[in-house]
Amino acid sequence: MRLIDFKLSTVDLDRQLPLYWEHDHQQFPIDTLTLVASHLILQSHPQAKPMTLDQLTARTRQVNGHVQLMVQPAADLIPLFGYRLSQHHLLLG
């Protein structure tokens, strides 16, 4: 998913929604962003406080909207294809 598509599709959502990455029915808080070439890498640390949708929007205001959203749970980069809302969380997957 490109950053611009994510921003356009979440424009009407609650800006205070915390961001999580969902993998194998487990949720991991997104707490760090790293821009590398044409990828915006969302990183998760198990005990971290998740960033909100508003924080993500503010931190990516100057980022090219065509960058691909990726998650990096360990050494591998995994592309993100969408999200869903669940119990007041925005779950990326």
C-alpha atoms as a PDB file:
ATOM      1  CA  MET A   1       0.000   0.000   0.000  1.00  0.00           C
ATOM      2  CA  ARG A   2       1.281   3.453  -0.817  1.00  0.00           C
ATOM      3  CA  LEU A   3       1.336   6.167   1.826  1.00  0.00           C
ATOM      4  CA  ILE A   4      -1.015   8.383  -0.210  1.00  0.00           C
ATOM      5  CA  ASP A   5      -3.611   5.599  -0.455  1.00  0.00           C
ATOM      6  CA  PHE A   6      -3.396   4.988   3.274  1.00  0.00           C
ATOM      7  CA  LYS A   7      -3.811   8.688   4.080  1.00  0.00           C
ATOM      8  CA  LEU A   8      -6.768   9.124   1.722  1.00  0.00           C
ATOM      9  CA  SER A   9      -8.583   6.080   3.077  1.00  0.00           C
ATOM     10  CA  THR A  10      -8.086   7.063   6.737  1.00  0.00           C
ATOM     11  CA  VAL A  11      -8.915  10.773   6.446  1.00  0.00           C
ATOM     12  CA  ASP A  12     -12.306  10.368   8.183  1.00  0.00           C
ATOM     13  CA  LEU A  13     -11.137   8.044  10.964  1.00  0.00           C
ATOM     14  CA  ASP A  14     -10.524   8.982  14.597  1.00  0.00           C
ATOM     15  CA  ARG A  15      -7.041  10.551  14.672  1.00  0.00           C
ATOM     16  CA  GLN A  16      -6.355   9.034  18.109  1.00  0.00           C
ATOM     17  CA  LEU A  17      -6.594   5.421  16.913  1.00  0.00           C
ATOM     18  CA  PRO A  18      -3.472   3.506  17.944  1.00  0.00           C
ATOM     19  CA  LEU A  19      -1.607   1.676  15.166  1.00  0.00           C
ATOM     20  CA  TYR A  20      -0.828  -2.019  15.331  1.00  0.00           C
ATOM     21  CA  TRP A  21       0.522  -4.587  12.899  1.00  0.00           C
ATOM     22  CA  GLU A  22      -1.403  -7.853  12.904  1.00  0.00           C
ATOM     23  CA  HIS A  23       0.373 -11.124  12.135  1.00  0.00           C
ATOM     24  CA  ASP A  24      -0.849 -14.667  12.879  1.00  0.00           C
ATOM     25  CA  HIS A  25      -3.711 -13.265  15.007  1.00  0.00           C
ATOM     26  CA  GLN A  26      -1.276 -11.341  17.210  1.00  0.00           C
ATOM     27  CA  GLN A  27      -1.070  -7.568  17.467  1.00  0.00           C
ATOM     28  CA  PHE A  28       2.196  -5.639  17.651  1.00  0.00           C
ATOM     29  CA  PRO A  29       2.330  -1.873  18.370  1.00  0.00           C
ATOM     30  CA  ILE A  30       3.806   0.353  15.656  1.00  0.00           C
ATOM     31  CA  ASP A  31       6.091   2.842  17.367  1.00  0.00           C
ATOM     32  CA  THR A  32       8.848   3.818  14.932  1.00  0.00           C
ATOM     33  CA  LEU A  33       9.021   5.045  11.319  1.00  0.00           C
ATOM     34  CA  THR A  34      12.068   4.886   9.057  1.00  0.00           C
ATOM     35  CA  LEU A  35      12.261   6.201   5.510  1.00  0.00           C
ATOM     36  CA  VAL A  36      14.584   4.139   3.298  1.00  0.00           C
ATOM     37  CA  ALA A  37      14.646   4.847  -0.451  1.00  0.00           C
ATOM     38  CA  SER A  38      11.083   4.231  -1.693  1.00  0.00           C
ATOM     39  CA  HIS A  39       9.865   2.502   1.481  1.00  0.00           C
ATOM     40  CA  LEU A  40       8.376   3.832   4.682  1.00  0.00           C
ATOM     41  CA  ILE A  41       9.210   1.152   7.227  1.00  0.00           C
ATOM     42  CA  LEU A  42       6.936   0.801  10.244  1.00  0.00           C
ATOM     43  CA  GLN A  43       8.663  -0.894  13.145  1.00  0.00           C
ATOM     44  CA  SER A  44       7.266  -2.556  16.196  1.00  0.00           C
ATOM     45  CA  HIS A  45       8.744  -3.157  19.628  1.00  0.00           C
ATOM     46  CA  PRO A  46       6.643  -5.420  21.879  1.00  0.00           C
ATOM     47  CA  GLN A  47       6.529  -3.259  25.017  1.00  0.00           C
ATOM     48  CA  ALA A  48       6.327   0.103  23.243  1.00  0.00           C
ATOM     49  CA  LYS A  49       3.374   2.465  23.281  1.00  0.00           C
ATOM     50  CA  PRO A  50       1.811   2.518  19.795  1.00  0.00           C
ATOM     51  CA  MET A  51       1.786   5.720  17.811  1.00  0.00           C
ATOM     52  CA  THR A  52      -1.573   7.149  16.836  1.00  0.00           C
ATOM     53  CA  LEU A  53      -2.929   7.812  13.380  1.00  0.00           C
ATOM     54  CA  ASP A  54      -2.440  11.533  14.080  1.00  0.00           C
ATOM     55  CA  GLN A  55       1.240  11.005  14.949  1.00  0.00           C
ATOM     56  CA  LEU A  56       1.813   8.998  11.772  1.00  0.00           C
ATOM     57  CA  THR A  57       0.173  11.721   9.695  1.00  0.00           C
ATOM     58  CA  ALA A  58       2.249  14.455  11.340  1.00  0.00           C
ATOM     59  CA  ARG A  59       5.527  12.542  10.942  1.00  0.00           C
ATOM     60  CA  THR A  60       4.893  11.796   7.272  1.00  0.00           C
ATOM     61  CA  ARG A  61       3.623  15.216   6.221  1.00  0.00           C
ATOM     62  CA  GLN A  62       6.760  15.908   4.135  1.00  0.00           C
ATOM     63  CA  VAL A  63       7.175  12.346   2.821  1.00  0.00           C
ATOM     64  CA  ASN A  64       6.439  11.530  -0.828  1.00  0.00           C
ATOM     65  CA  GLY A  65       3.025   9.862  -0.973  1.00  0.00           C
ATOM     66  CA  HIS A  66       4.242   7.227  -3.436  1.00  0.00           C
ATOM     67  CA  VAL A  67       6.471   5.437  -0.909  1.00  0.00           C
ATOM     68  CA  GLN A  68       5.383   1.906  -0.105  1.00  0.00           C
ATOM     69  CA  LEU A  69       4.359   1.064   3.459  1.00  0.00           C
ATOM     70  CA  MET A  70       6.345  -1.841   4.848  1.00  0.00           C
ATOM     71  CA  VAL A  71       6.690  -3.439   8.247  1.00  0.00           C
ATOM     72  CA  GLN A  72       9.942  -4.812   9.614  1.00  0.00           C
ATOM     73  CA  PRO A  73       9.330  -7.198  12.501  1.00  0.00           C
ATOM     74  CA  ALA A  74      12.867  -8.611  12.362  1.00  0.00           C
ATOM     75  CA  ALA A  75      15.343  -8.630   9.465  1.00  0.00           C
ATOM     76  CA  ASP A  76      12.766  -9.062   6.687  1.00  0.00           C
ATOM     77  CA  LEU A  77      10.673  -6.332   5.080  1.00  0.00           C
ATOM     78  CA  ILE A  78       7.005  -7.241   4.668  1.00  0.00           C
ATOM     79  CA  PRO A  79       4.726  -5.124   2.451  1.00  0.00           C
ATOM     80  CA  LEU A  80       1.482  -3.820   3.928  1.00  0.00           C
ATOM     81  CA  PHE A  81      -1.620  -4.273   1.810  1.00  0.00           C
ATOM     82  CA  GLY A  82      -4.355  -2.770   3.960  1.00  0.00           C
ATOM     83  CA  TYR A  83      -5.845  -2.323   7.391  1.00  0.00           C
ATOM     84  CA  ARG A  84      -8.973  -2.981   9.404  1.00  0.00           C
ATOM     85  CA  LEU A  85     -10.556  -1.485  12.485  1.00  0.00           C
ATOM     86  CA  SER A  86     -10.899  -3.652  15.568  1.00  0.00           C
ATOM     87  CA  GLN A  87     -11.732  -2.693  19.158  1.00  0.00           C
ATOM     88  CA  HIS A  88     -10.546   0.909  18.775  1.00  0.00           C
ATOM     89  CA  HIS A  89      -7.304  -0.138  17.042  1.00  0.00           C
ATOM     90  CA  LEU A  90      -6.200   0.321  13.468  1.00  0.00           C
ATOM     91  CA  LEU A  91      -4.686  -3.040  12.486  1.00  0.00           C
ATOM     92  CA  LEU A  92      -2.298  -3.001   9.539  1.00  0.00           C
ATOM     93  CA  GLY A  93      -1.687  -6.167   7.588  1.00  0.00           C
END
